[in-house]
Amino acid sequence: MNKTELINAIAEKSGLSKVDSKKALEAFIESVTEEVKKDGKVALVGFGTFSVTQKAARKGINPRTKAVINIPAKKTVKFKAGADLAAL
């Protein structure tokens, strides 16, 4: 399912127009993005949780040259499925 198909599904299930469904989806995405950028957490009971996790610096190997490279530490977004979603 792509974004357009999701907007259509939201409109069909909610009774909203496609324009309003698109605004709602974009507001949701923007709100989650802003919270995660602030190292926050968004928990949607039954669906899942978006959070930020820290990955430590580590050594890796360039598969082409077999040279050892340093991979810097970084923050990544993590999604943990909730009970309703994980039960599929």
PDB file of N, CA and C in Angstrom:
ATOM      1  N   MET A   1       0.854  -1.173   0.000  1.00  0.00           N
ATOM      2  CA  MET A   1       0.000   0.000   0.000  1.00  0.00           C
ATOM      3  C   MET A   1       0.897   1.232   0.000  1.00  0.00           C
ATOM      4  N   ASN A   2       0.644   2.122  -0.950  1.00  0.00           N
ATOM      5  CA  ASN A   2       1.405   3.369  -0.980  1.00  0.00           C
ATOM      6  C   ASN A   2       0.590   4.484  -0.318  1.00  0.00           C
ATOM      7  N   LYS A   3       1.130   5.694  -0.323  1.00  0.00           N
ATOM      8  CA  LYS A   3       0.492   6.809   0.371  1.00  0.00           C
ATOM      9  C   LYS A   3      -0.890   7.121  -0.203  1.00  0.00           C
ATOM     10  N   THR A   4      -1.031   7.109  -1.513  1.00  0.00           N
ATOM     11  CA  THR A   4      -2.319   7.404  -2.143  1.00  0.00           C
ATOM     12  C   THR A   4      -3.357   6.353  -1.768  1.00  0.00           C
ATOM     13  N   GLU A   5      -2.954   5.096  -1.783  1.00  0.00           N
ATOM     14  CA  GLU A   5      -3.875   4.031  -1.396  1.00  0.00           C
ATOM     15  C   GLU A   5      -4.274   4.139   0.074  1.00  0.00           C
ATOM     16  N   LEU A   6      -3.333   4.546   0.925  1.00  0.00           N
ATOM     17  CA  LEU A   6      -3.636   4.733   2.341  1.00  0.00           C
ATOM     18  C   LEU A   6      -4.619   5.878   2.523  1.00  0.00           C
ATOM     19  N   ILE A   7      -4.427   6.973   1.816  1.00  0.00           N
ATOM     20  CA  ILE A   7      -5.352   8.108   1.886  1.00  0.00           C
ATOM     21  C   ILE A   7      -6.750   7.668   1.459  1.00  0.00           C
ATOM     22  N   ASN A   8      -6.829   6.902   0.390  1.00  0.00           N
ATOM     23  CA  ASN A   8      -8.130   6.406  -0.079  1.00  0.00           C
ATOM     24  C   ASN A   8      -8.788   5.499   0.966  1.00  0.00           C
ATOM     25  N   ALA A   9      -8.006   4.641   1.602  1.00  0.00           N
ATOM     26  CA  ALA A   9      -8.539   3.750   2.630  1.00  0.00           C
ATOM     27  C   ALA A   9      -9.026   4.532   3.843  1.00  0.00           C
ATOM     28  N   ILE A  10      -8.271   5.548   4.250  1.00  0.00           N
ATOM     29  CA  ILE A  10      -8.678   6.391   5.378  1.00  0.00           C
ATOM     30  C   ILE A  10      -9.982   7.099   5.044  1.00  0.00           C
ATOM     31  N   ALA A  11     -10.079   7.644   3.844  1.00  0.00           N
ATOM     32  CA  ALA A  11     -11.299   8.346   3.423  1.00  0.00           C
ATOM     33  C   ALA A  11     -12.495   7.398   3.436  1.00  0.00           C
ATOM     34  N   GLU A  12     -12.302   6.193   2.937  1.00  0.00           N
ATOM     35  CA  GLU A  12     -13.399   5.225   2.866  1.00  0.00           C
ATOM     36  C   GLU A  12     -13.864   4.788   4.253  1.00  0.00           C
ATOM     37  N   LYS A  13     -12.909   4.511   5.141  1.00  0.00           N
ATOM     38  CA  LYS A  13     -13.265   3.996   6.462  1.00  0.00           C
ATOM     39  C   LYS A  13     -13.753   5.074   7.422  1.00  0.00           C
ATOM     40  N   SER A  14     -13.305   6.314   7.226  1.00  0.00           N
ATOM     41  CA  SER A  14     -13.662   7.378   8.165  1.00  0.00           C
ATOM     42  C   SER A  14     -14.833   8.232   7.697  1.00  0.00           C
ATOM     43  N   GLY A  15     -15.129   8.188   6.402  1.00  0.00           N
ATOM     44  CA  GLY A  15     -16.179   9.054   5.876  1.00  0.00           C
ATOM     45  C   GLY A  15     -15.689  10.450   5.569  1.00  0.00           C
ATOM     46  N   LEU A  16     -14.397  10.682   5.725  1.00  0.00           N
ATOM     47  CA  LEU A  16     -13.807  11.981   5.388  1.00  0.00           C
ATOM     48  C   LEU A  16     -13.584  12.052   3.879  1.00  0.00           C
ATOM     49  N   SER A  17     -13.431  13.264   3.392  1.00  0.00           N
ATOM     50  CA  SER A  17     -13.074  13.409   1.985  1.00  0.00           C
ATOM     51  C   SER A  17     -11.609  13.023   1.812  1.00  0.00           C
ATOM     52  N   LYS A  18     -11.209  12.782   0.576  1.00  0.00           N
ATOM     53  CA  LYS A  18      -9.806  12.440   0.317  1.00  0.00           C
ATOM     54  C   LYS A  18      -8.884  13.594   0.688  1.00  0.00           C
ATOM     55  N   VAL A  19      -9.339  14.822   0.477  1.00  0.00           N
ATOM     56  CA  VAL A  19      -8.533  16.003   0.830  1.00  0.00           C
ATOM     57  C   VAL A  19      -8.325  16.057   2.339  1.00  0.00           C
ATOM     58  N   ASP A  20      -9.400  15.839   3.102  1.00  0.00           N
ATOM     59  CA  ASP A  20      -9.281  15.854   4.564  1.00  0.00           C
ATOM     60  C   ASP A  20      -8.456  14.673   5.063  1.00  0.00           C
ATOM     61  N   SER A  21      -8.597  13.519   4.423  1.00  0.00           N
ATOM     62  CA  SER A  21      -7.808  12.350   4.806  1.00  0.00           C
ATOM     63  C   SER A  21      -6.324  12.597   4.561  1.00  0.00           C
ATOM     64  N   LYS A  22      -6.005  13.252   3.432  1.00  0.00           N
ATOM     65  CA  LYS A  22      -4.607  13.574   3.128  1.00  0.00           C
ATOM     66  C   LYS A  22      -4.052  14.535   4.164  1.00  0.00           C
ATOM     67  N   LYS A  23      -4.845  15.548   4.555  1.00  0.00           N
ATOM     68  CA  LYS A  23      -4.406  16.500   5.580  1.00  0.00           C
ATOM     69  C   LYS A  23      -4.175  15.791   6.913  1.00  0.00           C
ATOM     70  N   ALA A  24      -5.068  14.875   7.267  1.00  0.00           N
ATOM     71  CA  ALA A  24      -4.937  14.145   8.533  1.00  0.00           C
ATOM     72  C   ALA A  24      -3.691  13.271   8.530  1.00  0.00           C
ATOM     73  N   LEU A  25      -3.455  12.558   7.429  1.00  0.00           N
ATOM     74  CA  LEU A  25      -2.270  11.700   7.333  1.00  0.00           C
ATOM     75  C   LEU A  25      -0.990  12.526   7.394  1.00  0.00           C
ATOM     76  N   GLU A  26      -0.956  13.628   6.664  1.00  0.00           N
ATOM     77  CA  GLU A  26       0.236  14.484   6.673  1.00  0.00           C
ATOM     78  C   GLU A  26       0.465  15.105   8.043  1.00  0.00           C
ATOM     79  N   ALA A  27      -0.609  15.457   8.759  1.00  0.00           N
ATOM     80  CA  ALA A  27      -0.479  15.998  10.114  1.00  0.00           C
ATOM     81  C   ALA A  27       0.071  14.929  11.057  1.00  0.00           C
ATOM     82  N   PHE A  28      -0.391  13.686  10.894  1.00  0.00           N
ATOM     83  CA  PHE A  28       0.111  12.581  11.708  1.00  0.00           C
ATOM     84  C   PHE A  28       1.601  12.374  11.473  1.00  0.00           C
ATOM     85  N   ILE A  29       1.988  12.308  10.209  1.00  0.00           N
ATOM     86  CA  ILE A  29       3.401  12.087   9.867  1.00  0.00           C
ATOM     87  C   ILE A  29       4.263  13.230  10.403  1.00  0.00           C
ATOM     88  N   GLU A  30       3.795  14.455  10.243  1.00  0.00           N
ATOM     89  CA  GLU A  30       4.545  15.621  10.715  1.00  0.00           C
ATOM     90  C   GLU A  30       4.678  15.600  12.238  1.00  0.00           C
ATOM     91  N   SER A  31       3.603  15.247  12.931  1.00  0.00           N
ATOM     92  CA  SER A  31       3.631  15.214  14.392  1.00  0.00           C
ATOM     93  C   SER A  31       4.585  14.141  14.912  1.00  0.00           C
ATOM     94  N   VAL A  32       4.550  12.960  14.315  1.00  0.00           N
ATOM     95  CA  VAL A  32       5.455  11.881  14.729  1.00  0.00           C
ATOM     96  C   VAL A  32       6.897  12.282  14.437  1.00  0.00           C
ATOM     97  N   THR A  33       7.134  12.850  13.266  1.00  0.00           N
ATOM     98  CA  THR A  33       8.488  13.272  12.885  1.00  0.00           C
ATOM     99  C   THR A  33       9.041  14.304  13.859  1.00  0.00           C
ATOM    100  N   GLU A  34       8.237  15.303  14.211  1.00  0.00           N
ATOM    101  CA  GLU A  34       8.688  16.352  15.143  1.00  0.00           C
ATOM    102  C   GLU A  34       9.029  15.762  16.503  1.00  0.00           C
ATOM    103  N   GLU A  35       8.191  14.855  16.997  1.00  0.00           N
ATOM    104  CA  GLU A  35       8.428  14.268  18.314  1.00  0.00           C
ATOM    105  C   GLU A  35       9.683  13.402  18.319  1.00  0.00           C
ATOM    106  N   VAL A  36       9.879  12.615  17.283  1.00  0.00           N
ATOM    107  CA  VAL A  36      11.053  11.751  17.209  1.00  0.00           C
ATOM    108  C   VAL A  36      12.320  12.577  17.053  1.00  0.00           C
ATOM    109  N   LYS A  37      12.253  13.688  16.314  1.00  0.00           N
ATOM    110  CA  LYS A  37      13.429  14.561  16.174  1.00  0.00           C
ATOM    111  C   LYS A  37      13.842  15.157  17.510  1.00  0.00           C
ATOM    112  N   LYS A  38      12.899  15.296  18.448  1.00  0.00           N
ATOM    113  CA  LYS A  38      13.200  15.814  19.782  1.00  0.00           C
ATOM    114  C   LYS A  38      13.596  14.686  20.737  1.00  0.00           C
ATOM    115  N   ASP A  39      13.936  13.516  20.189  1.00  0.00           N
ATOM    116  CA  ASP A  39      14.264  12.320  20.968  1.00  0.00           C
ATOM    117  C   ASP A  39      13.087  11.853  21.806  1.00  0.00           C
ATOM    118  N   GLY A  40      11.883  12.178  21.367  1.00  0.00           N
ATOM    119  CA  GLY A  40      10.678  11.754  22.072  1.00  0.00           C
ATOM    120  C   GLY A  40      10.218  10.388  21.617  1.00  0.00           C
ATOM    121  N   LYS A  41       9.064  10.010  22.123  1.00  0.00           N
ATOM    122  CA  LYS A  41       8.505   8.701  21.832  1.00  0.00           C
ATOM    123  C   LYS A  41       7.017   8.880  21.552  1.00  0.00           C
ATOM    124  N   VAL A  42       6.493   8.192  20.557  1.00  0.00           N
ATOM    125  CA  VAL A  42       5.069   8.227  20.231  1.00  0.00           C
ATOM    126  C   VAL A  42       4.534   6.815  20.398  1.00  0.00           C
ATOM    127  N   ALA A  43       3.651   6.624  21.378  1.00  0.00           N
ATOM    128  CA  ALA A  43       3.091   5.310  21.662  1.00  0.00           C
ATOM    129  C   ALA A  43       1.613   5.298  21.279  1.00  0.00           C
ATOM    130  N   LEU A  44       1.258   4.421  20.369  1.00  0.00           N
ATOM    131  CA  LEU A  44      -0.125   4.240  19.948  1.00  0.00           C
ATOM    132  C   LEU A  44      -0.552   2.859  20.427  1.00  0.00           C
ATOM    133  N   VAL A  45      -1.319   2.820  21.516  1.00  0.00           N
ATOM    134  CA  VAL A  45      -1.692   1.566  22.160  1.00  0.00           C
ATOM    135  C   VAL A  45      -2.354   0.628  21.154  1.00  0.00           C
ATOM    136  N   GLY A  46      -1.869  -0.588  21.077  1.00  0.00           N
ATOM    137  CA  GLY A  46      -2.394  -1.590  20.170  1.00  0.00           C
ATOM    138  C   GLY A  46      -1.738  -1.572  18.802  1.00  0.00           C
ATOM    139  N   PHE A  47      -1.190  -0.431  18.394  1.00  0.00           N
ATOM    140  CA  PHE A  47      -0.560  -0.330  17.080  1.00  0.00           C
ATOM    141  C   PHE A  47       0.949  -0.470  17.192  1.00  0.00           C
ATOM    142  N   GLY A  48       1.580   0.413  17.973  1.00  0.00           N
ATOM    143  CA  GLY A  48       3.022   0.337  18.143  1.00  0.00           C
ATOM    144  C   GLY A  48       3.610   1.620  18.686  1.00  0.00           C
ATOM    145  N   THR A  49       4.923   1.628  18.808  1.00  0.00           N
ATOM    146  CA  THR A  49       5.647   2.754  19.379  1.00  0.00           C
ATOM    147  C   THR A  49       6.800   3.160  18.473  1.00  0.00           C
ATOM    148  N   PHE A  50       6.875   4.462  18.182  1.00  0.00           N
ATOM    149  CA  PHE A  50       8.000   5.041  17.459  1.00  0.00           C
ATOM    150  C   PHE A  50       8.925   5.635  18.507  1.00  0.00           C
ATOM    151  N   SER A  51      10.217   5.316  18.440  1.00  0.00           N
ATOM    152  CA  SER A  51      11.175   5.873  19.391  1.00  0.00           C
ATOM    153  C   SER A  51      12.533   6.024  18.716  1.00  0.00           C
ATOM    154  N   VAL A  52      13.440   6.690  19.432  1.00  0.00           N
ATOM    155  CA  VAL A  52      14.792   6.907  18.931  1.00  0.00           C
ATOM    156  C   VAL A  52      15.733   5.991  19.708  1.00  0.00           C
ATOM    157  N   THR A  53      16.636   5.360  19.000  1.00  0.00           N
ATOM    158  CA  THR A  53      17.623   4.514  19.648  1.00  0.00           C
ATOM    159  C   THR A  53      19.019   4.950  19.206  1.00  0.00           C
ATOM    160  N   GLN A  54      19.991   4.777  20.070  1.00  0.00           N
ATOM    161  CA  GLN A  54      21.373   5.164  19.789  1.00  0.00           C
ATOM    162  C   GLN A  54      22.156   3.934  19.370  1.00  0.00           C
ATOM    163  N   LYS A  55      22.802   3.999  18.231  1.00  0.00           N
ATOM    164  CA  LYS A  55      23.677   2.909  17.790  1.00  0.00           C
ATOM    165  C   LYS A  55      25.115   3.319  18.084  1.00  0.00           C
ATOM    166  N   ALA A  56      25.847   2.451  18.723  1.00  0.00           N
ATOM    167  CA  ALA A  56      27.224   2.744  19.111  1.00  0.00           C
ATOM    168  C   ALA A  56      28.150   2.721  17.892  1.00  0.00           C
ATOM    169  N   ALA A  57      29.266   3.417  18.018  1.00  0.00           N
ATOM    170  CA  ALA A  57      30.290   3.370  16.967  1.00  0.00           C
ATOM    171  C   ALA A  57      30.857   1.955  16.919  1.00  0.00           C
ATOM    172  N   ARG A  58      31.211   1.528  15.734  1.00  0.00           N
ATOM    173  CA  ARG A  58      31.741   0.170  15.598  1.00  0.00           C
ATOM    174  C   ARG A  58      32.668   0.072  14.402  1.00  0.00           C
ATOM    175  N   LYS A  59      33.359  -1.025  14.329  1.00  0.00           N
ATOM    176  CA  LYS A  59      34.248  -1.288  13.201  1.00  0.00           C
ATOM    177  C   LYS A  59      33.496  -2.141  12.192  1.00  0.00           C
ATOM    178  N   GLY A  60      33.743  -1.895  10.926  1.00  0.00           N
ATOM    179  CA  GLY A  60      33.134  -2.684   9.863  1.00  0.00           C
ATOM    180  C   GLY A  60      34.190  -3.041   8.835  1.00  0.00           C
ATOM    181  N   ILE A  61      33.800  -3.810   7.847  1.00  0.00           N
ATOM    182  CA  ILE A  61      34.721  -4.210   6.786  1.00  0.00           C
ATOM    183  C   ILE A  61      34.104  -3.832   5.453  1.00  0.00           C
ATOM    184  N   ASN A  62      34.884  -3.124   4.643  1.00  0.00           N
ATOM    185  CA  ASN A  62      34.464  -2.797   3.286  1.00  0.00           C
ATOM    186  C   ASN A  62      34.506  -4.101   2.490  1.00  0.00           C
ATOM    187  N   PRO A  63      33.350  -4.570   1.994  1.00  0.00           N
ATOM    188  CA  PRO A  63      33.345  -5.869   1.314  1.00  0.00           C
ATOM    189  C   PRO A  63      34.150  -5.888   0.016  1.00  0.00           C
ATOM    190  N   ARG A  64      34.321  -4.740  -0.584  1.00  0.00           N
ATOM    191  CA  ARG A  64      35.068  -4.691  -1.858  1.00  0.00           C
ATOM    192  C   ARG A  64      36.569  -4.771  -1.631  1.00  0.00           C
ATOM    193  N   THR A  65      37.078  -3.989  -0.638  1.00  0.00           N
ATOM    194  CA  THR A  65      38.526  -3.918  -0.430  1.00  0.00           C
ATOM    195  C   THR A  65      38.995  -4.722   0.788  1.00  0.00           C
ATOM    196  N   LYS A  66      38.069  -5.175   1.603  1.00  0.00           N
ATOM    197  CA  LYS A  66      38.353  -5.904   2.847  1.00  0.00           C
ATOM    198  C   LYS A  66      39.067  -5.026   3.879  1.00  0.00           C
ATOM    199  N   ALA A  67      39.058  -3.721   3.645  1.00  0.00           N
ATOM    200  CA  ALA A  67      39.684  -2.792   4.593  1.00  0.00           C
ATOM    201  C   ALA A  67      38.754  -2.564   5.783  1.00  0.00           C
ATOM    202  N   VAL A  68      39.350  -2.401   6.954  1.00  0.00           N
ATOM    203  CA  VAL A  68      38.579  -2.109   8.159  1.00  0.00           C
ATOM    204  C   VAL A  68      38.200  -0.637   8.123  1.00  0.00           C
ATOM    205  N   ILE A  69      36.922  -0.350   8.393  1.00  0.00           N
ATOM    206  CA  ILE A  69      36.452   1.038   8.408  1.00  0.00           C
ATOM    207  C   ILE A  69      35.776   1.308   9.742  1.00  0.00           C
ATOM    208  N   ASN A  70      35.765   2.560  10.129  1.00  0.00           N
ATOM    209  CA  ASN A  70      35.082   2.982  11.352  1.00  0.00           C
ATOM    210  C   ASN A  70      33.687   3.470  10.988  1.00  0.00           C
ATOM    211  N   ILE A  71      32.686   2.905  11.625  1.00  0.00           N
ATOM    212  CA  ILE A  71      31.310   3.335  11.426  1.00  0.00           C
ATOM    213  C   ILE A  71      30.946   4.184  12.635  1.00  0.00           C
ATOM    214  N   PRO A  72      30.615   5.465  12.421  1.00  0.00           N
ATOM    215  CA  PRO A  72      30.356   6.357  13.555  1.00  0.00           C
ATOM    216  C   PRO A  72      29.039   6.031  14.265  1.00  0.00           C
ATOM    217  N   ALA A  73      28.939   6.477  15.506  1.00  0.00           N
ATOM    218  CA  ALA A  73      27.698   6.324  16.269  1.00  0.00           C
ATOM    219  C   ALA A  73      26.621   7.176  15.611  1.00  0.00           C
ATOM    220  N   LYS A  74      25.375   6.726  15.727  1.00  0.00           N
ATOM    221  CA  LYS A  74      24.284   7.510  15.153  1.00  0.00           C
ATOM    222  C   LYS A  74      22.977   7.162  15.839  1.00  0.00           C
ATOM    223  N   LYS A  75      22.009   8.039  15.672  1.00  0.00           N
ATOM    224  CA  LYS A  75      20.666   7.809  16.184  1.00  0.00           C
ATOM    225  C   LYS A  75      19.804   7.302  15.038  1.00  0.00           C
ATOM    226  N   THR A  76      18.939   6.340  15.349  1.00  0.00           N
ATOM    227  CA  THR A  76      18.018   5.821  14.343  1.00  0.00           C
ATOM    228  C   THR A  76      16.621   5.739  14.944  1.00  0.00           C
ATOM    229  N   VAL A  77      15.630   5.706  14.079  1.00  0.00           N
ATOM    230  CA  VAL A  77      14.247   5.577  14.514  1.00  0.00           C
ATOM    231  C   VAL A  77      13.898   4.100  14.569  1.00  0.00           C
ATOM    232  N   LYS A  78      13.201   3.732  15.629  1.00  0.00           N
ATOM    233  CA  LYS A  78      12.818   2.350  15.837  1.00  0.00           C
ATOM    234  C   LYS A  78      11.295   2.293  15.949  1.00  0.00           C
ATOM    235  N   PHE A  79      10.694   1.269  15.360  1.00  0.00           N
ATOM    236  CA  PHE A  79       9.263   1.029  15.518  1.00  0.00           C
ATOM    237  C   PHE A  79       9.072  -0.339  16.133  1.00  0.00           C
ATOM    238  N   LYS A  80       8.372  -0.374  17.241  1.00  0.00           N
ATOM    239  CA  LYS A  80       8.059  -1.650  17.893  1.00  0.00           C
ATOM    240  C   LYS A  80       6.566  -1.872  17.767  1.00  0.00           C
ATOM    241  N   ALA A  81       6.193  -2.959  17.125  1.00  0.00           N
ATOM    242  CA  ALA A  81       4.778  -3.264  16.909  1.00  0.00           C
ATOM    243  C   ALA A  81       4.079  -3.530  18.228  1.00  0.00           C
ATOM    244  N   GLY A  82       2.847  -3.040  18.323  1.00  0.00           N
ATOM    245  CA  GLY A  82       2.022  -3.285  19.498  1.00  0.00           C
ATOM    246  C   GLY A  82       1.411  -4.668  19.454  1.00  0.00           C
ATOM    247  N   ALA A  83       0.707  -5.039  20.516  1.00  0.00           N
ATOM    248  CA  ALA A  83       0.155  -6.384  20.632  1.00  0.00           C
ATOM    249  C   ALA A  83      -0.824  -6.721  19.511  1.00  0.00           C
ATOM    250  N   ASP A  84      -1.703  -5.779  19.150  1.00  0.00           N
ATOM    251  CA  ASP A  84      -2.683  -6.053  18.097  1.00  0.00           C
ATOM    252  C   ASP A  84      -2.017  -6.269  16.745  1.00  0.00           C
ATOM    253  N   LEU A  85      -0.977  -5.505  16.459  1.00  0.00           N
ATOM    254  CA  LEU A  85      -0.296  -5.608  15.175  1.00  0.00           C
ATOM    255  C   LEU A  85       0.631  -6.819  15.149  1.00  0.00           C
ATOM    256  N   ALA A  86       1.269  -7.117  16.264  1.00  0.00           N
ATOM    257  CA  ALA A  86       2.236  -8.214  16.320  1.00  0.00           C
ATOM    258  C   ALA A  86       1.543  -9.579  16.286  1.00  0.00           C
ATOM    259  N   ALA A  87       0.254  -9.620  16.586  1.00  0.00           N
ATOM    260  CA  ALA A  87      -0.465 -10.892  16.654  1.00  0.00           C
ATOM    261  C   ALA A  87      -0.829 -11.432  15.275  1.00  0.00           C
ATOM    262  N   LEU A  88      -0.453 -10.751  14.215  1.00  0.00           N
ATOM    263  CA  LEU A  88      -0.818 -11.197  12.870  1.00  0.00           C
ATOM    264  C   LEU A  88      -0.066 -12.408  12.443  1.00  0.00           C
TER     265      LEU A  88
END
